[in-house]
Amino acid sequence: MEIGKRLFATFILILTTAIMSSMRSGAMEPVVAFKSGEGYPSYRIPGLATTRKGTLLAFMEGREEGDGDHRQQDMVLKRSTDNGKTWGELIVVHEDGDHCLVNPCPVVLDSGRILLMYQFFPAGYDINGHRRYKGGKTTQLDAGLSGPTVSKNLLVYSDDDGKTWSKPRDVTAGTKRAHVLYAATGPGNGIVLEKGAHKGRIVIPCVEGFPGRKTANVYAAYSDDDGQTWQMGEPAKNAEQGFGHEVAMAELSDGSVMANTRVDKGKHCRQVAISRDGGASWATPLTDDENLVDPRCQGTLIRYSFEPNILLFANPASDDGRKDGTIKISYDDGESWSTGLNVCKQRFSYSSLSKLKDGSIGLLYEHKGEMRFVRVTLDEVKAEK
């Protein structure tokens, strides 16, 4: 009897210690924020943001025709007010009939206003053409800034912590060059610069593609008046092998901007470039970063803090398919990176990082038809389990 009591007491102690440890660390098991078939046949392409009030906003493409990149798609989101433990009802930010809305890229301003930039593709048109969709086969987009057969860049905002959204505003003329086929944001998140001559500038990472050419350019769209007007920076020079595609940007400790991009040819690693003038031009060309292995997939990069100097990066850290979702840390502006904390050993595709109000780290990622959210502490990333 006494042995049984001691065993039971030991079990309770172990259980209590585990629970308290979890509460202290803030860690949590992955939570399914979106599940394909619930509301929409498919969800893809996350963009995560933390509002000034601490609310988490998870933006997605709600795909009406399943997993196709340029079919009927809406821009949707869910909110969490408890650091991602639970998620609210689905909110439709923008729905436009049979047309296609893609590549959510949110940014939170100091005022509390949340901006969301994304792209409009007319129904039946896409980057390459000849893809199947419910109306038949697609036709390749035309280059240009206006008209029924071109892609456009749209901007909406919220002043009530993401509950309701403005009508979309066409900002194509300030964010897309007239001769390009498309100008795609992120996907992931934009930033507001905190240092140097361009403090307060909104920077949205972008990629532009061209008619008849299987290449693309990385550049920044930026605003110095809280998103009222927009300008385009020069494209970063591509490396000899590969070209930048699906790009993230973060501010460095001296106020410079780093572009970190997927590469669709060349080595299985990320490429980076540095801007010294707030994204208007690039002091360095895109260069391989062999510390960041990548299977040709989107990745996510954020500034965690300036003091201490910490950047965070997450992607499927594999050269053999989209798996091994890993959060890495850099203390030297991306010159070197940790081995990283593996948060998902299985299927892991597109993702988006955000620093939470309590200092923990949120990661929204694609996993087998689900959009999962996981929260970890900085200490856990440092420990590199």
Protein backbone atom coordinates (compact mmCIF):
# COMPACT_ATOMS: atom_id res chain seq x y z
CA MET A 1 0.00 0.00 0.00
CA GLU A 2 2.78 2.42 0.99
CA ILE A 3 4.70 1.58 -2.22
CA GLY A 4 1.59 2.37 -4.25
CA LYS A 5 1.18 5.71 -2.50
CA ARG A 6 4.83 6.60 -3.08
CA LEU A 7 4.58 5.67 -6.78
CA PHE A 8 1.41 7.73 -7.14
CA ALA A 9 3.03 10.70 -5.37
CA THR A 10 6.08 10.41 -7.64
CA PHE A 11 3.85 10.33 -10.71
CA ILE A 12 1.99 13.46 -9.55
CA LEU A 13 5.31 15.24 -8.90
CA ILE A 14 6.65 14.39 -12.34
CA LEU A 15 3.40 15.47 -13.99
CA THR A 16 3.25 18.73 -12.03
CA THR A 17 6.90 19.50 -12.82
CA ALA A 18 6.29 18.91 -16.52
CA ILE A 19 3.21 21.15 -16.52
CA MET A 20 4.97 23.94 -14.62
CA SER A 21 7.99 23.69 -16.88
CA SER A 22 5.75 24.03 -19.91
CA MET A 23 4.02 27.04 -18.36
CA ARG A 24 7.35 28.69 -17.57
CA SER A 25 8.75 28.13 -21.03
CA GLY A 26 5.62 29.16 -22.89
CA ALA A 27 6.10 26.23 -25.25
CA MET A 28 3.15 24.51 -26.84
CA GLU A 29 2.33 21.65 -29.15
CA PRO A 30 1.40 22.63 -32.72
CA VAL A 31 -2.19 23.88 -33.09
CA VAL A 32 -4.14 23.48 -36.33
CA ALA A 33 -5.18 27.04 -37.25
CA PHE A 34 -6.63 26.14 -40.67
CA LYS A 35 -7.63 22.77 -42.08
CA SER A 36 -8.30 22.13 -45.76
CA GLY A 37 -11.95 21.34 -46.36
CA GLU A 38 -13.16 23.51 -43.50
CA GLY A 39 -14.51 26.69 -45.10
CA TYR A 40 -12.38 26.28 -48.25
CA PRO A 41 -11.17 23.18 -50.10
CA SER A 42 -7.59 24.28 -49.46
CA TYR A 43 -5.52 26.87 -47.61
CA ARG A 44 -2.00 27.89 -48.51
CA ILE A 45 0.63 30.66 -48.33
CA PRO A 46 0.74 32.02 -44.75
CA GLY A 47 1.45 35.53 -43.57
CA LEU A 48 1.67 36.01 -39.80
CA ALA A 49 1.64 39.31 -37.89
CA THR A 50 1.42 40.41 -34.25
CA THR A 51 -0.60 43.57 -33.66
CA ARG A 52 0.29 46.32 -31.20
CA LYS A 53 -2.31 44.86 -28.84
CA GLY A 54 -0.69 41.43 -29.05
CA THR A 55 -3.30 39.79 -31.26
CA LEU A 56 -2.01 37.27 -33.77
CA LEU A 57 -3.28 37.60 -37.34
CA ALA A 58 -2.86 34.59 -39.62
CA PHE A 59 -3.45 35.48 -43.27
CA MET A 60 -4.02 32.81 -45.91
CA GLU A 61 -5.13 32.20 -49.45
CA GLY A 62 -8.53 30.50 -49.25
CA ARG A 63 -8.49 28.32 -52.38
CA GLU A 64 -11.88 27.50 -53.90
CA GLU A 65 -10.52 24.94 -56.39
CA GLY A 66 -8.06 23.08 -54.22
CA ASP A 67 -4.31 23.34 -54.45
CA GLY A 68 -3.75 25.43 -57.58
CA ASP A 69 -1.63 28.59 -57.53
CA HIS A 70 -3.70 30.82 -59.84
CA ARG A 71 -7.31 29.75 -59.61
CA GLN A 72 -10.27 31.18 -57.74
CA GLN A 73 -8.84 32.31 -54.40
CA ASP A 74 -9.85 34.69 -51.62
CA MET A 75 -7.78 36.57 -49.06
CA VAL A 76 -8.75 35.37 -45.56
CA LEU A 77 -7.52 35.45 -41.97
CA LYS A 78 -8.05 34.18 -38.46
CA ARG A 79 -7.27 36.02 -35.19
CA SER A 80 -5.89 34.70 -31.92
CA THR A 81 -5.98 36.65 -28.67
CA ASP A 82 -4.27 33.97 -26.55
CA ASN A 83 -0.87 33.63 -28.23
CA GLY A 84 -2.08 31.05 -30.73
CA LYS A 85 -3.67 28.55 -28.36
CA THR A 86 -7.04 29.06 -30.05
CA TRP A 87 -8.12 30.75 -33.27
CA GLY A 88 -11.31 32.66 -34.01
CA GLU A 89 -13.77 32.46 -36.86
CA LEU A 90 -12.65 32.81 -40.46
CA ILE A 91 -12.67 36.42 -41.70
CA VAL A 92 -12.83 37.09 -45.45
CA VAL A 93 -10.62 40.13 -46.08
CA HIS A 94 -11.30 40.26 -49.83
CA GLU A 95 -13.36 38.08 -52.17
CA ASP A 96 -13.61 38.90 -55.87
CA GLY A 97 -15.71 36.30 -57.67
CA ASP A 98 -13.75 33.96 -59.92
CA HIS A 99 -10.59 36.06 -59.71
CA CYS A 100 -7.43 35.07 -57.86
CA LEU A 101 -5.97 36.85 -54.81
CA VAL A 102 -2.51 35.70 -53.70
CA ASN A 103 0.66 36.30 -51.66
CA PRO A 104 -0.43 37.94 -48.38
CA CYS A 105 2.21 40.28 -46.97
CA PRO A 106 1.11 42.09 -43.76
CA VAL A 107 2.95 44.80 -41.87
CA VAL A 108 2.02 46.47 -38.57
CA LEU A 109 2.61 50.23 -38.26
CA ASP A 110 3.58 52.11 -35.10
CA SER A 111 0.11 53.69 -35.09
CA GLY A 112 -1.45 50.24 -34.75
CA ARG A 113 -2.80 50.24 -38.30
CA ILE A 114 -2.27 46.93 -40.10
CA LEU A 115 -1.53 46.98 -43.82
CA LEU A 116 -1.89 43.98 -46.11
CA MET A 117 -0.49 43.96 -49.64
CA TYR A 118 -1.29 41.16 -52.06
CA GLN A 119 -1.87 40.44 -55.76
CA PHE A 120 -4.89 40.22 -58.04
CA PHE A 121 -4.80 37.82 -60.99
CA PRO A 122 -7.75 37.96 -63.43
CA ALA A 123 -9.72 34.73 -63.79
CA GLY A 124 -8.27 32.52 -66.51
CA TYR A 125 -4.82 34.15 -66.51
CA ASP A 126 -1.60 33.20 -64.76
CA ILE A 127 2.18 33.49 -65.03
CA ASN A 128 2.73 30.63 -67.45
CA GLY A 129 -0.63 29.94 -69.07
CA HIS A 130 -2.00 26.53 -70.10
CA ARG A 131 -2.81 25.46 -66.55
CA ARG A 132 -6.15 23.80 -65.98
CA TYR A 133 -8.84 25.54 -63.96
CA LYS A 134 -12.60 25.28 -63.78
CA GLY A 135 -13.16 27.47 -66.84
CA GLY A 136 -10.78 25.48 -69.05
CA LYS A 137 -7.10 26.39 -69.43
CA THR A 138 -5.39 29.58 -68.39
CA THR A 139 -3.80 32.18 -70.64
CA GLN A 140 -0.54 33.93 -69.83
CA LEU A 141 -0.89 37.36 -68.28
CA ASP A 142 0.03 40.49 -70.20
CA ALA A 143 2.63 42.95 -68.95
CA GLY A 144 1.32 46.32 -67.82
CA LEU A 145 -0.23 48.29 -64.98
CA SER A 146 -3.92 48.29 -65.90
CA GLY A 147 -6.46 46.41 -67.97
CA PRO A 148 -8.39 43.14 -67.75
CA THR A 149 -5.44 40.82 -68.54
CA VAL A 150 -2.76 42.07 -66.13
CA SER A 151 -1.88 41.34 -62.51
CA LYS A 152 -2.32 44.13 -60.00
CA ASN A 153 -1.08 44.92 -56.50
CA LEU A 154 -3.74 45.73 -53.91
CA LEU A 155 -3.59 47.22 -50.42
CA VAL A 156 -6.08 47.03 -47.56
CA TYR A 157 -5.84 48.21 -43.96
CA SER A 158 -7.43 47.62 -40.58
CA ASP A 159 -7.68 50.07 -37.67
CA ASP A 160 -9.53 47.74 -35.31
CA ASP A 161 -6.92 45.05 -34.63
CA GLY A 162 -7.76 43.03 -37.74
CA LYS A 163 -11.50 42.61 -37.16
CA THR A 164 -12.61 44.58 -40.22
CA TRP A 165 -10.83 45.77 -43.35
CA SER A 166 -10.96 48.65 -45.78
CA LYS A 167 -11.92 48.31 -49.40
CA PRO A 168 -8.88 47.36 -51.54
CA ARG A 169 -6.85 50.15 -53.10
CA ASP A 170 -4.93 49.61 -56.34
CA VAL A 171 -1.24 50.46 -55.71
CA THR A 172 0.09 48.78 -58.86
CA ALA A 173 1.58 51.95 -60.36
CA GLY A 174 3.86 52.50 -57.36
CA THR A 175 4.88 48.88 -56.80
CA LYS A 176 5.14 47.27 -60.26
CA ARG A 177 7.14 48.23 -63.35
CA ALA A 178 5.08 48.50 -66.53
CA HIS A 179 7.18 46.04 -68.56
CA VAL A 180 6.95 43.14 -66.08
CA LEU A 181 4.43 40.32 -66.07
CA TYR A 182 3.83 40.26 -62.34
CA ALA A 183 5.13 41.79 -59.11
CA ALA A 184 4.64 39.36 -56.22
CA THR A 185 4.86 40.35 -52.56
CA GLY A 186 6.79 38.09 -50.17
CA PRO A 187 4.87 36.09 -49.25
CA GLY A 188 5.29 36.42 -45.50
CA ASN A 189 5.56 39.89 -43.97
CA GLY A 190 6.74 43.43 -44.55
CA ILE A 191 8.82 45.52 -42.14
CA VAL A 192 9.07 49.05 -40.77
CA LEU A 193 12.65 50.32 -40.51
CA GLU A 194 13.70 51.39 -37.01
CA LYS A 195 17.16 52.87 -37.57
CA GLY A 196 19.10 55.29 -39.75
CA ALA A 197 18.11 57.86 -42.36
CA HIS A 198 15.06 55.86 -43.45
CA LYS A 199 13.57 55.22 -40.02
CA GLY A 200 9.82 54.70 -40.35
CA ARG A 201 9.99 53.47 -43.95
CA ILE A 202 7.68 50.58 -44.79
CA VAL A 203 9.50 47.95 -46.84
CA ILE A 204 7.61 45.21 -48.70
CA PRO A 205 9.76 42.43 -50.23
CA CYS A 206 8.86 41.82 -53.88
CA VAL A 207 9.77 39.69 -56.90
CA GLU A 208 9.09 40.62 -60.53
CA GLY A 209 8.80 38.27 -63.52
CA PHE A 210 8.85 38.85 -67.26
CA PRO A 211 6.99 37.68 -70.38
CA GLY A 212 8.73 34.82 -72.14
CA ARG A 213 11.61 34.64 -69.65
CA LYS A 214 12.14 32.03 -66.97
CA THR A 215 13.79 34.39 -64.55
CA ALA A 216 12.84 36.93 -61.89
CA ASN A 217 14.24 39.90 -59.94
CA VAL A 218 14.14 40.66 -56.22
CA TYR A 219 13.39 44.26 -55.17
CA ALA A 220 11.69 46.32 -52.46
CA ALA A 221 8.52 48.37 -52.69
CA TYR A 222 8.57 51.07 -50.03
CA SER A 223 6.58 53.92 -48.54
CA ASP A 224 7.72 56.89 -46.45
CA ASP A 225 4.22 58.12 -45.62
CA ASP A 226 2.58 55.18 -43.83
CA GLY A 227 1.46 53.53 -47.04
CA GLN A 228 -0.24 56.45 -48.75
CA THR A 229 2.21 56.47 -51.67
CA TRP A 230 4.65 53.83 -52.89
CA GLN A 231 7.95 53.65 -54.76
CA MET A 232 10.05 50.82 -56.19
CA GLY A 233 13.70 50.16 -55.50
CA GLU A 234 16.12 48.84 -58.07
CA PRO A 235 16.29 45.06 -58.52
CA ALA A 236 19.12 43.19 -56.81
CA LYS A 237 21.61 41.75 -59.27
CA ASN A 238 21.11 38.01 -59.65
CA ALA A 239 23.94 35.58 -59.00
CA GLU A 240 25.59 33.74 -61.88
CA GLN A 241 23.61 30.64 -60.93
CA GLY A 242 19.92 30.89 -60.20
CA PHE A 243 17.64 33.85 -59.62
CA GLY A 244 15.79 35.18 -56.61
CA HIS A 245 12.16 34.19 -56.10
CA GLU A 246 9.85 34.48 -53.07
CA VAL A 247 11.80 36.82 -50.85
CA ALA A 248 11.90 37.90 -47.20
CA MET A 249 13.58 41.04 -45.86
CA ALA A 250 14.81 42.15 -42.43
CA GLU A 251 16.59 45.18 -41.01
CA LEU A 252 20.19 44.69 -39.87
CA SER A 253 21.77 46.23 -36.77
CA ASP A 254 23.14 49.24 -38.70
CA GLY A 255 19.84 50.01 -40.48
CA SER A 256 20.74 48.13 -43.68
CA VAL A 257 18.19 45.78 -45.23
CA MET A 258 18.90 42.13 -45.97
CA ALA A 259 17.02 40.27 -48.69
CA ASN A 260 16.89 36.50 -48.19
CA THR A 261 15.47 34.62 -51.15
CA ARG A 262 14.50 31.26 -52.53
CA VAL A 263 16.59 30.23 -55.55
CA ASP A 264 15.05 28.20 -58.36
CA LYS A 265 18.32 27.19 -60.01
CA GLY A 266 21.84 26.56 -58.77
CA LYS A 267 22.73 25.28 -55.31
CA HIS A 268 20.18 24.10 -52.76
CA CYS A 269 20.66 27.08 -50.45
CA ARG A 270 19.31 30.56 -49.87
CA GLN A 271 20.76 33.69 -51.47
CA VAL A 272 21.14 37.08 -49.78
CA ALA A 273 21.78 40.68 -50.79
CA ILE A 274 22.28 43.88 -48.75
CA SER A 275 20.82 47.36 -49.26
CA ARG A 276 22.42 50.37 -47.56
CA ASP A 277 19.68 52.83 -48.54
CA GLY A 278 16.47 51.33 -47.28
CA GLY A 279 15.79 49.10 -50.28
CA ALA A 280 16.24 51.77 -52.97
CA SER A 281 19.31 49.95 -54.34
CA TRP A 282 21.52 46.98 -53.46
CA ALA A 283 25.14 47.27 -52.39
CA THR A 284 25.76 43.57 -53.01
CA PRO A 285 24.40 41.10 -55.57
CA LEU A 286 22.50 38.03 -54.51
CA THR A 287 25.06 35.61 -53.09
CA ASP A 288 24.77 31.99 -51.93
CA ASP A 289 24.42 31.51 -48.17
CA GLU A 290 25.47 27.90 -47.76
CA ASN A 291 24.64 28.06 -44.04
CA LEU A 292 20.97 28.07 -45.03
CA VAL A 293 20.17 24.84 -46.87
CA ASP A 294 16.92 25.03 -48.83
CA PRO A 295 14.96 22.65 -51.13
CA ARG A 296 13.71 25.55 -53.33
CA CYS A 297 10.93 26.78 -51.10
CA GLN A 298 9.72 30.00 -49.51
CA GLY A 299 11.34 30.94 -46.18
CA THR A 300 10.70 33.50 -43.43
CA LEU A 301 13.07 36.02 -41.83
CA ILE A 302 12.46 38.50 -38.97
CA ARG A 303 14.38 40.83 -36.70
CA TYR A 304 13.77 39.60 -33.15
CA SER A 305 15.70 42.34 -31.34
CA PHE A 306 18.47 44.90 -31.80
CA GLU A 307 19.82 44.55 -28.25
CA PRO A 308 20.95 41.82 -28.32
CA ASN A 309 21.43 41.59 -32.09
CA ILE A 310 19.15 38.69 -33.08
CA LEU A 311 17.70 37.59 -36.41
CA LEU A 312 15.46 34.54 -36.80
CA PHE A 313 14.99 32.46 -39.95
CA ALA A 314 12.76 29.46 -40.65
CA ASN A 315 12.40 27.14 -43.64
CA PRO A 316 12.43 23.45 -44.55
CA ALA A 317 16.13 22.98 -43.79
CA SER A 318 16.70 20.18 -46.27
CA ASP A 319 18.16 19.73 -49.74
CA ASP A 320 15.95 16.68 -50.22
CA GLY A 321 12.37 17.85 -50.21
CA ARG A 322 10.16 20.05 -48.07
CA LYS A 323 10.67 18.66 -44.57
CA ASP A 324 12.63 19.40 -41.39
CA GLY A 325 11.04 22.73 -40.53
CA THR A 326 13.72 24.56 -38.53
CA ILE A 327 14.05 27.92 -36.75
CA LYS A 328 17.62 29.27 -36.80
CA ILE A 329 19.18 32.19 -34.94
CA SER A 330 21.91 34.65 -35.92
CA TYR A 331 23.74 37.06 -33.61
CA ASP A 332 25.83 38.74 -36.35
CA ASP A 333 23.35 40.02 -38.93
CA GLY A 334 23.22 36.74 -40.81
CA GLU A 335 26.96 36.23 -41.22
CA SER A 336 26.49 32.91 -39.40
CA TRP A 337 23.52 30.83 -38.29
CA SER A 338 22.86 28.24 -35.61
CA THR A 339 22.06 24.63 -36.42
CA GLY A 340 18.51 25.44 -35.42
CA LEU A 341 15.49 24.12 -33.54
CA ASN A 342 13.59 21.51 -35.53
CA VAL A 343 9.85 22.04 -35.01
CA CYS A 344 8.55 19.61 -37.66
CA LYS A 345 10.56 16.67 -38.98
CA GLN A 346 7.91 15.68 -41.52
CA ARG A 347 6.26 17.66 -44.31
CA PHE A 348 6.95 21.39 -43.88
CA SER A 349 6.41 23.89 -46.65
CA TYR A 350 5.67 27.64 -46.64
CA SER A 351 5.87 29.44 -43.28
CA SER A 352 5.78 32.79 -41.51
CA LEU A 353 7.47 33.93 -38.27
CA SER A 354 6.39 36.63 -35.83
CA LYS A 355 7.61 37.83 -32.44
CA LEU A 356 4.78 37.70 -29.91
CA LYS A 357 4.06 40.41 -27.39
CA ASP A 358 5.33 38.24 -24.52
CA GLY A 359 8.68 37.72 -26.27
CA SER A 360 7.98 34.20 -27.46
CA ILE A 361 8.15 33.23 -31.14
CA GLY A 362 5.23 32.19 -33.32
CA LEU A 363 5.56 30.14 -36.49
CA LEU A 364 2.69 29.41 -38.88
CA TYR A 365 3.48 26.67 -41.39
CA GLU A 366 2.01 24.34 -43.97
CA HIS A 367 1.81 20.66 -43.06
CA LYS A 368 -0.15 18.04 -45.04
CA GLY A 369 -3.28 20.05 -45.78
CA GLU A 370 -3.16 21.89 -42.46
CA MET A 371 -1.87 25.29 -41.44
CA ARG A 372 -0.22 24.70 -38.09
CA PHE A 373 0.90 27.20 -35.50
CA VAL A 374 3.63 26.55 -32.97
CA ARG A 375 4.96 28.83 -30.22
CA VAL A 376 8.45 28.47 -28.77
CA THR A 377 10.68 30.56 -26.55
CA LEU A 378 13.94 32.20 -27.55
CA ASP A 379 15.74 29.95 -25.06
CA GLU A 380 14.37 26.89 -26.85
CA VAL A 381 15.68 28.15 -30.17
CA LYS A 382 19.06 28.81 -28.56
CA ALA A 383 19.08 25.30 -27.10
CA GLU A 384 18.67 23.76 -30.60
CA LYS A 385 16.98 20.50 -29.70
